[in-house]
Amino acid sequence: DENDVLYISGSNLNGGGVLMFDVSNPTAPSYIGQTPAIYAHDCYARGDTLWTADINAGKFSVYDITNKSAPVFLAEQATPSNFTHNLWISDDGRTLYTTDERADAWVAAYDVSDLANIEEIARYRSRGAAETGVIPHNVHVRNDFLITAYYTDGLIINDGRRPHNLVEVGRYDTYPPQRVGFFGVWGVYPYFADGT
């Protein structure tokens, strides 16, 4: 992250729970803390908050990591298909988006402005999902647009400026010959400086 902390999800240590390392000296990283031993397939840190995608538990969890040697559990929320693969938060920090890596699954939006009252506010499913069981993999957010990788359905972009109403505004199929399974695009990363 921006503070030289490396977060490792899903390793063979700590039951796959997130491990944190200080990498300010990249040739000599030092261990600084960990979340509980709940397998986290993915995680996202911003400031002093860590969000984990607890895939096998079918939920995401939220931790205060102000003191990384003693993270404090804040909240958790189940996701629609109970297989929380990935998550990303909006630029304003009020909306969290998740993917469940299952056929016909949704990209879900949650109002996380009040962690004592997390509320699911929207779902989006690729039209290919309803027809053939397409699987969403990773969602990222850039400038209030959701950039989602779907295995056999390719890249799909949703307008998230009104997170209660996710509207598809773009798509590019990267694997037309196959409609089901784990073929095609794995990830789409919208953060390159040149806009690629």
Protein backbone atom coordinates (compact mmCIF):
# COMPACT_ATOMS: atom_id res chain seq x y z
CA ASP A 1 0.00 0.00 0.00
CA GLU A 2 0.96 3.68 0.09
CA ASN A 3 2.59 3.11 3.50
CA ASP A 4 4.95 0.31 2.40
CA VAL A 5 2.83 -2.46 3.90
CA LEU A 6 2.47 -5.72 1.97
CA TYR A 7 -0.69 -7.78 2.52
CA ILE A 8 -0.60 -11.49 1.67
CA SER A 9 -3.88 -13.37 1.28
CA GLY A 10 -4.44 -17.10 1.08
CA SER A 11 -0.95 -18.34 1.87
CA ASN A 12 -0.17 -21.65 3.54
CA LEU A 13 0.44 -19.79 6.82
CA ASN A 14 -2.15 -18.50 9.32
CA GLY A 15 -4.85 -20.68 7.74
CA GLY A 16 -4.78 -18.38 4.73
CA GLY A 17 -5.63 -15.32 6.82
CA VAL A 18 -3.97 -12.05 5.80
CA LEU A 19 -0.33 -11.55 6.77
CA MET A 20 1.15 -8.04 6.92
CA PHE A 21 4.78 -7.11 6.27
CA ASP A 22 6.69 -3.83 6.37
CA VAL A 23 8.47 -3.56 3.02
CA SER A 24 9.94 -0.09 3.45
CA ASN A 25 13.24 -1.94 3.01
CA PRO A 26 12.25 -4.33 0.22
CA THR A 27 15.37 -6.45 0.58
CA ALA A 28 14.52 -7.14 4.23
CA PRO A 29 10.74 -7.28 4.75
CA SER A 30 9.62 -7.62 8.34
CA TYR A 31 6.48 -9.29 9.68
CA ILE A 32 4.15 -6.87 11.50
CA GLY A 33 0.82 -8.64 11.99
CA GLN A 34 -2.02 -10.86 10.82
CA THR A 35 -5.78 -11.16 10.78
CA PRO A 36 -7.52 -14.19 12.33
CA ALA A 37 -6.85 -17.53 10.62
CA ILE A 38 -9.83 -17.30 8.25
CA TYR A 39 -8.89 -18.05 4.63
CA ALA A 40 -8.96 -14.74 2.74
CA HIS A 41 -8.77 -15.22 -1.01
CA ASP A 42 -8.26 -11.52 -1.62
CA CYS A 43 -7.99 -8.33 0.41
CA TYR A 44 -8.05 -4.57 -0.01
CA ALA A 45 -6.46 -2.05 2.33
CA ARG A 46 -7.09 1.67 2.43
CA GLY A 47 -5.82 3.83 5.24
CA ASP A 48 -6.35 1.93 8.48
CA THR A 49 -9.10 -0.35 7.17
CA LEU A 50 -8.61 -3.83 5.71
CA TRP A 51 -11.35 -5.62 3.77
CA THR A 52 -11.00 -9.38 3.26
CA ALA A 53 -12.79 -11.67 0.80
CA ASP A 54 -13.36 -14.78 2.91
CA ILE A 55 -14.21 -17.04 -0.01
CA ASN A 56 -14.93 -20.30 1.82
CA ALA A 57 -16.97 -18.54 4.50
CA GLY A 58 -18.99 -16.73 1.79
CA LYS A 59 -18.54 -13.29 3.30
CA PHE A 60 -16.33 -10.26 3.50
CA SER A 61 -14.82 -9.04 6.75
CA VAL A 62 -13.64 -5.59 7.84
CA TYR A 63 -10.77 -4.89 10.24
CA ASP A 64 -9.31 -1.78 11.83
CA ILE A 65 -5.58 -2.17 11.23
CA THR A 66 -4.41 1.01 12.93
CA ASN A 67 -2.29 -1.31 15.07
CA LYS A 68 -1.25 -3.94 12.55
CA SER A 69 0.09 -6.22 15.26
CA ALA A 70 -3.44 -6.39 16.74
CA PRO A 71 -6.16 -5.96 14.06
CA VAL A 72 -9.64 -5.29 15.41
CA PHE A 73 -12.61 -7.02 13.77
CA LEU A 74 -15.28 -4.46 12.83
CA ALA A 75 -17.91 -6.17 10.68
CA GLU A 76 -18.78 -8.91 8.22
CA GLN A 77 -21.36 -9.42 5.49
CA ALA A 78 -22.43 -12.47 3.45
CA THR A 79 -22.39 -12.13 -0.35
CA PRO A 80 -25.12 -13.35 -2.76
CA SER A 81 -23.53 -16.63 -3.89
CA ASN A 82 -21.65 -17.30 -0.64
CA PHE A 83 -18.23 -17.55 -2.34
CA THR A 84 -16.65 -14.13 -1.86
CA HIS A 85 -13.73 -14.08 -4.26
CA ASN A 86 -12.78 -10.43 -4.60
CA LEU A 87 -13.73 -6.96 -3.38
CA TRP A 88 -12.95 -3.32 -4.12
CA ILE A 89 -14.12 -0.10 -2.57
CA SER A 90 -15.35 3.05 -4.31
CA ASP A 91 -13.14 6.12 -4.47
CA ASP A 92 -15.26 7.87 -1.81
CA GLY A 93 -15.08 4.83 0.49
CA ARG A 94 -18.85 4.52 0.85
CA THR A 95 -19.56 1.58 -1.48
CA LEU A 96 -17.92 -1.84 -1.55
CA TYR A 97 -18.24 -4.12 -4.57
CA THR A 98 -17.78 -7.90 -4.46
CA THR A 99 -17.60 -10.85 -6.83
CA ASP A 100 -18.49 -14.46 -6.07
CA GLU A 101 -16.52 -16.85 -8.30
CA ARG A 102 -19.47 -19.04 -9.26
CA ALA A 103 -21.54 -19.57 -12.37
CA ASP A 104 -24.47 -17.14 -12.68
CA ALA A 105 -23.09 -15.04 -9.80
CA TRP A 106 -23.60 -11.34 -9.21
CA VAL A 107 -21.38 -8.36 -8.73
CA ALA A 108 -22.90 -6.90 -5.57
CA ALA A 109 -22.77 -3.36 -4.16
CA TYR A 110 -22.91 -2.56 -0.45
CA ASP A 111 -23.31 0.70 1.40
CA VAL A 112 -20.49 0.47 3.95
CA SER A 113 -20.68 4.03 5.25
CA ASP A 114 -21.99 2.63 8.56
CA LEU A 115 -20.24 -0.63 9.43
CA ALA A 116 -22.84 -1.34 12.10
CA ASN A 117 -25.45 -1.39 9.35
CA ILE A 118 -23.93 -2.69 6.09
CA GLU A 119 -26.62 -2.78 3.43
CA GLU A 120 -26.63 -4.53 0.06
CA ILE A 121 -27.87 -1.88 -2.35
CA ALA A 122 -27.53 -3.39 -5.84
CA ARG A 123 -26.63 -6.43 -7.90
CA TYR A 124 -25.47 -6.77 -11.47
CA ARG A 125 -25.22 -9.98 -13.47
CA SER A 126 -23.83 -10.28 -16.97
CA ARG A 127 -26.48 -11.17 -19.50
CA GLY A 128 -24.19 -14.07 -20.46
CA ALA A 129 -24.42 -15.40 -16.90
CA ALA A 130 -28.14 -15.99 -17.10
CA GLU A 131 -27.75 -17.73 -20.46
CA THR A 132 -24.67 -19.89 -19.96
CA GLY A 133 -23.40 -19.65 -16.40
CA VAL A 134 -20.61 -17.11 -16.91
CA ILE A 135 -18.37 -16.57 -13.87
CA PRO A 136 -17.33 -13.14 -12.57
CA HIS A 137 -13.74 -13.09 -11.31
CA ASN A 138 -12.34 -9.71 -10.23
CA VAL A 139 -13.89 -6.26 -9.90
CA HIS A 140 -11.92 -3.01 -9.63
CA VAL A 141 -13.11 0.59 -9.42
CA ARG A 142 -11.71 3.56 -11.28
CA ASN A 143 -13.42 6.96 -11.35
CA ASP A 144 -16.72 5.38 -10.19
CA PHE A 145 -16.69 2.80 -12.98
CA LEU A 146 -16.63 -0.90 -12.13
CA ILE A 147 -14.16 -2.77 -14.30
CA THR A 148 -14.95 -6.48 -14.01
CA ALA A 149 -13.23 -9.51 -15.50
CA TYR A 150 -15.59 -12.33 -16.43
CA TYR A 151 -13.96 -15.55 -17.54
CA THR A 152 -15.72 -16.33 -20.82
CA ASP A 153 -17.62 -13.04 -21.07
CA GLY A 154 -14.52 -10.82 -21.05
CA LEU A 155 -14.38 -7.26 -19.77
CA ILE A 156 -17.57 -5.58 -18.58
CA ILE A 157 -17.76 -1.95 -17.41
CA ASN A 158 -20.57 -0.66 -15.19
CA ASP A 159 -21.31 2.93 -14.29
CA GLY A 160 -21.18 3.08 -10.50
CA ARG A 161 -21.87 6.80 -10.06
CA ARG A 162 -25.28 5.75 -8.75
CA PRO A 163 -24.33 2.55 -6.94
CA HIS A 164 -27.98 1.68 -6.31
CA ASN A 165 -28.39 1.26 -10.08
CA LEU A 166 -25.40 -0.39 -11.78
CA VAL A 167 -25.69 0.17 -15.52
CA GLU A 168 -23.56 -1.67 -18.06
CA VAL A 169 -21.83 0.89 -20.29
CA GLY A 170 -19.21 -1.22 -22.04
CA ARG A 171 -18.06 -4.74 -22.77
CA TYR A 172 -15.44 -6.59 -24.76
CA ASP A 173 -15.64 -10.35 -25.18
CA THR A 174 -12.14 -11.79 -24.99
CA TYR A 175 -13.06 -15.43 -25.51
CA PRO A 176 -15.94 -15.82 -28.01
CA PRO A 177 -15.55 -19.55 -28.74
CA GLN A 178 -16.24 -20.69 -25.19
CA ARG A 179 -19.24 -19.75 -23.06
CA VAL A 180 -18.72 -21.73 -19.85
CA GLY A 181 -15.89 -22.56 -17.49
CA PHE A 182 -12.68 -20.90 -16.37
CA PHE A 183 -11.41 -19.91 -19.84
CA GLY A 184 -10.68 -16.44 -21.15
CA VAL A 185 -9.91 -13.32 -19.14
CA TRP A 186 -8.62 -13.62 -15.59
CA GLY A 187 -8.07 -10.01 -14.60
CA VAL A 188 -8.43 -6.47 -15.89
CA TYR A 189 -6.34 -3.75 -14.23
CA PRO A 190 -7.43 -0.16 -14.98
CA TYR A 191 -4.64 1.68 -13.15
CA PHE A 192 -1.88 2.08 -15.72
CA ALA A 193 -0.74 5.69 -16.08
CA ASP A 194 -1.36 5.67 -19.85
CA GLY A 195 -5.02 4.72 -19.36
CA THR A 196 -4.69 1.24 -20.86
